[in-house]
Structures are given as C-alpha cells and as structure tokens.
Protein backbone atom coordinates (compact mmCIF):
# COMPACT_ATOMS: atom_id res chain seq x y z
CA MET A 1 -24.43 2.60 18.06
CA ALA A 2 -27.04 -0.11 17.52
CA LYS A 3 -25.88 -0.58 13.95
CA ALA A 4 -22.29 -1.06 15.13
CA MET A 5 -23.40 -3.66 17.68
CA VAL A 6 -25.32 -5.59 15.00
CA GLU A 7 -22.24 -5.55 12.76
CA LEU A 8 -20.00 -6.76 15.61
CA ARG A 9 -22.36 -9.61 16.40
CA GLY A 10 -22.23 -10.66 12.75
CA LEU A 11 -18.44 -11.03 12.76
CA GLU A 12 -16.88 -14.41 13.28
CA ALA A 13 -14.28 -15.04 15.98
CA GLY A 14 -11.43 -15.01 13.44
CA GLU A 15 -12.57 -11.68 12.04
CA LEU A 16 -12.69 -10.22 15.54
CA ALA A 17 -9.16 -11.46 16.19
CA ARG A 18 -7.91 -9.83 12.98
CA LEU A 19 -9.70 -6.63 13.92
CA GLY A 20 -7.87 -6.67 17.25
CA GLU A 21 -4.54 -7.29 15.51
CA ARG A 22 -5.12 -4.32 13.22
CA GLN A 23 -5.91 -2.10 16.19
CA ASN A 24 -2.77 -3.23 18.04
CA CYS A 25 -0.57 -2.66 14.98
CA ARG A 26 -1.98 0.83 14.51
CA ARG A 27 -1.55 1.64 18.20
CA VAL A 28 2.10 0.56 18.25
CA LEU A 29 2.86 2.49 15.09
CA LYS A 30 1.03 5.57 16.39
CA TRP A 31 3.03 5.62 19.61
CA SER A 32 6.27 5.00 17.76
CA TYR A 33 5.87 8.46 16.20
CA ALA A 34 5.63 10.00 19.66
CA TYR A 35 8.66 8.00 20.80
CA GLY A 36 10.64 9.14 17.77
CA TYR A 37 9.70 12.77 18.36
CA PHE A 38 10.85 12.67 21.97
CA LEU A 39 13.90 10.51 21.29
CA PRO A 40 16.71 11.99 23.41
CA ARG A 41 19.38 13.94 21.56
CA GLU A 42 21.95 11.42 22.79
CA GLU A 43 20.14 8.74 20.78
CA GLU A 44 20.65 10.53 17.47
CA GLY A 45 22.98 9.08 14.91
CA LYS A 46 22.99 5.39 14.17
CA LYS A 47 20.23 4.58 16.67
CA LYS A 48 17.91 7.19 15.20
CA VAL A 49 18.59 5.97 11.67
CA LEU A 50 17.84 2.41 12.78
CA PHE A 51 14.66 3.53 14.55
CA GLU A 52 13.42 5.40 11.46
CA PHE A 53 14.24 2.39 9.27
CA LEU A 54 12.29 0.06 11.56
CA GLN A 55 9.40 2.50 11.72
CA GLY A 56 9.28 2.71 7.92
CA THR A 57 9.35 -1.07 7.69
CA ALA A 58 6.47 -1.27 10.17
CA GLU A 59 4.45 1.18 8.07
CA VAL A 60 4.98 -0.88 4.93
CA GLU A 61 4.14 -4.14 6.67
CA LEU A 62 0.97 -2.65 8.17
CA ARG A 63 -0.14 -1.51 4.72
CA VAL A 64 0.52 -4.99 3.33
CA PHE A 65 -1.42 -6.51 6.23
CA LEU A 66 -4.36 -4.14 5.70
CA ASP A 67 -4.37 -4.66 1.93
CA ALA A 68 -4.37 -8.43 2.35
CA ASP A 69 -7.32 -8.09 4.69
CA GLY A 70 -9.22 -5.82 2.33
CA TRP A 71 -8.62 -2.53 4.15
CA ASP A 72 -7.47 0.20 1.81
CA ASN A 73 -6.17 2.83 4.26
CA LEU A 74 -4.63 3.29 7.68
CA HIS A 75 -7.61 5.15 9.21
C-alpha cells in the first residue's frame, strides 16, 4: 500500500487525469457487456447488431488509447 501511495504521489496531474480516463473507459466497456447480456429480446435484430458493432468499436478504440499511452493490455 505504501509503495502504491509513493507511486501516486510521483505522478503528474496530467498522468493522473489519463489514469482516470482509462478507468472510466474500462468501466463503461465492462458494463456494456452486462447490458448486452441482459438486452431484452425485443431489442434483438438491427438494434442488437448496432450495439455489438459499437461495442466492438469501443474495444478497438480502448486498445488504441492504451497502446498510445504505453499500456499493453486491458487489465
């Protein structure tokens, strides 16, 4: 815990902001899987296809964002 606090103190404000953005992106993507799983049967068809397309696009964009920031995985 102490090591983590020392590392956090060493980060600049911009790095902390990017860290927060990464966490928010991951959180939204994580909950989109739950939303997709519980998507009502009435929403199947074109809406589901659109949802899965947007979810796939979000995954790709998150990977690009993490790669640009030097993070090599989603975990």
